[in-house]
Protein backbone atom coordinates (compact mmCIF):
# COMPACT_ATOMS: atom_id res chain seq x y z
CA SER A 1 -91.08 -128.10 -12.50
CA SER A 2 -92.95 -131.37 -12.18
CA GLY A 3 -89.85 -133.51 -12.77
CA ILE A 4 -91.68 -135.59 -15.37
CA ASN A 5 -89.62 -135.74 -18.54
CA ALA A 6 -91.93 -137.90 -20.65
CA GLU A 7 -95.13 -136.76 -22.30
CA TYR A 8 -98.03 -136.80 -19.87
CA GLY A 9 -99.93 -139.31 -21.99
CA GLU A 10 -97.08 -141.80 -21.74
CA PHE A 11 -96.60 -140.95 -18.07
CA ALA A 12 -100.20 -141.95 -17.31
CA LEU A 13 -99.60 -145.47 -18.63
CA ARG A 14 -96.35 -146.18 -16.78
CA PRO A 15 -95.74 -147.04 -13.12
CA ALA A 16 -95.17 -143.97 -10.96
CA PRO A 17 -91.56 -143.12 -10.13
CA GLN A 18 -90.32 -144.86 -7.00
CA HIS A 19 -89.76 -142.87 -3.81
CA ARG A 20 -91.74 -139.93 -5.19
CA ASP A 21 -95.19 -138.71 -4.26
CA MET A 22 -97.53 -138.05 -7.15
CA LYS A 23 -100.75 -136.22 -6.35
CA CYS A 24 -103.65 -137.01 -8.64
CA ARG A 25 -107.33 -136.14 -8.43
CA ILE A 26 -110.40 -137.81 -9.91
CA THR A 27 -113.37 -135.59 -10.71
CA ARG A 28 -116.86 -136.60 -11.83
CA ASP A 29 -118.93 -134.77 -14.44
CA LYS A 30 -122.65 -135.49 -14.16
CA LYS A 31 -123.79 -132.76 -16.57
CA GLY A 32 -125.51 -133.65 -19.82
CA LEU A 33 -128.35 -135.81 -21.06
CA ASP A 34 -127.35 -139.25 -19.75
CA ARG A 35 -124.50 -138.35 -17.41
CA GLY A 36 -126.63 -138.80 -14.31
CA MET A 37 -126.59 -142.53 -14.98
CA TYR A 38 -123.28 -142.55 -16.87
CA PRO A 39 -121.03 -139.77 -15.53
CA THR A 40 -117.60 -139.12 -16.99
CA TYR A 41 -114.59 -139.30 -14.66
CA TYR A 42 -111.36 -137.39 -15.22
CA LEU A 43 -107.94 -138.17 -13.75
CA HIS A 44 -105.65 -135.15 -13.40
CA LEU A 45 -102.10 -134.92 -12.15
CA GLU A 46 -101.68 -132.02 -9.75
CA ARG A 47 -98.26 -130.53 -10.40
CA GLU A 48 -96.06 -128.88 -7.78
CA ASP A 49 -97.15 -125.46 -9.12
CA HIS A 50 -100.78 -126.54 -8.41
CA LYS A 51 -101.71 -126.69 -12.09
CA LYS A 52 -103.79 -129.68 -13.18
CA VAL A 53 -102.70 -131.81 -16.13
CA PHE A 54 -105.25 -134.13 -17.75
CA LEU A 55 -104.15 -137.78 -17.81
CA LEU A 56 -107.14 -140.09 -18.41
CA ALA A 57 -110.94 -140.08 -18.70
CA GLY A 58 -113.40 -142.88 -18.01
CA ARG A 59 -117.08 -143.55 -18.47
CA ARG A 60 -119.33 -146.44 -17.54
CA ARG A 61 -120.27 -148.54 -20.54
CA LYS A 62 -124.00 -148.46 -21.20
CA LYS A 63 -124.73 -152.05 -22.19
CA SER A 64 -122.93 -153.75 -19.32
CA SER A 65 -124.54 -155.73 -16.50
CA THR A 66 -121.56 -155.19 -14.17
CA SER A 67 -119.61 -152.00 -13.54
CA ASN A 68 -117.55 -151.71 -16.70
CA TYR A 69 -115.67 -148.50 -17.46
CA LEU A 70 -113.97 -147.48 -20.68
CA ILE A 71 -110.66 -145.61 -20.19
CA SER A 72 -109.36 -143.10 -22.75
CA ALA A 73 -106.44 -140.69 -23.02
CA ASP A 74 -108.74 -138.22 -24.84
CA PRO A 75 -111.46 -136.57 -22.71
CA THR A 76 -113.60 -135.95 -25.81
CA ASP A 77 -113.36 -139.44 -27.38
CA LEU A 78 -114.65 -142.11 -25.01
CA SER A 79 -115.22 -144.77 -27.65
CA ARG A 80 -113.77 -148.26 -27.79
CA ASP A 81 -112.74 -147.74 -31.42
CA GLY A 82 -111.05 -144.37 -30.80
CA GLU A 83 -107.32 -143.83 -31.22
CA SER A 84 -107.01 -142.83 -27.57
CA TYR A 85 -108.68 -145.96 -26.17
CA VAL A 86 -106.51 -147.27 -23.32
CA GLY A 87 -108.57 -150.15 -21.95
CA LYS A 88 -111.34 -150.89 -19.52
CA VAL A 89 -111.93 -151.55 -15.84
CA ARG A 90 -114.48 -154.21 -14.88
CA SER A 91 -115.80 -155.11 -11.45
CA ASN A 92 -117.31 -158.30 -10.14
CA LEU A 93 -121.06 -158.38 -9.36
CA VAL A 94 -120.59 -157.08 -5.82
CA GLY A 95 -118.08 -154.37 -6.74
CA THR A 96 -115.34 -155.69 -4.45
CA LYS A 97 -112.80 -156.81 -7.09
CA PHE A 98 -111.69 -154.90 -10.17
CA THR A 99 -109.79 -156.08 -13.24
CA ILE A 100 -108.03 -153.78 -15.69
CA TYR A 101 -107.92 -154.81 -19.35
CA GLY A 102 -105.54 -153.10 -21.75
CA SER A 103 -106.05 -152.45 -25.42
CA GLY A 104 -103.57 -155.19 -26.39
CA LEU A 105 -104.18 -158.74 -27.50
CA ASN A 106 -106.25 -161.10 -25.35
CA PRO A 107 -103.85 -163.70 -23.89
CA VAL A 108 -106.67 -166.28 -23.65
CA LYS A 109 -107.87 -166.06 -27.26
CA PRO A 110 -105.58 -167.47 -30.00
């Protein structure tokens, strides 16, 4: 038993339980027409029984000058308008600082 009572989708968006190790793995898929330049990344939880459970997927956005990745809870729908859109991760020009943006309202814009 993994000890996680909530749905895995909700689990992926919450802080990890305190005083508990959670083993996750990120894999990269470079197969396909444009995936050499824009690979898809998958985040899986590795359960205690060694089974992998999909949590999130990400892909670099094509029209971005900096590293800008779209994050989705659906590995087949990596679109900003999709129902499973979670947010995005953006780096600075050098790739040393990263900012995570959720799918909620922008606190700067009225």
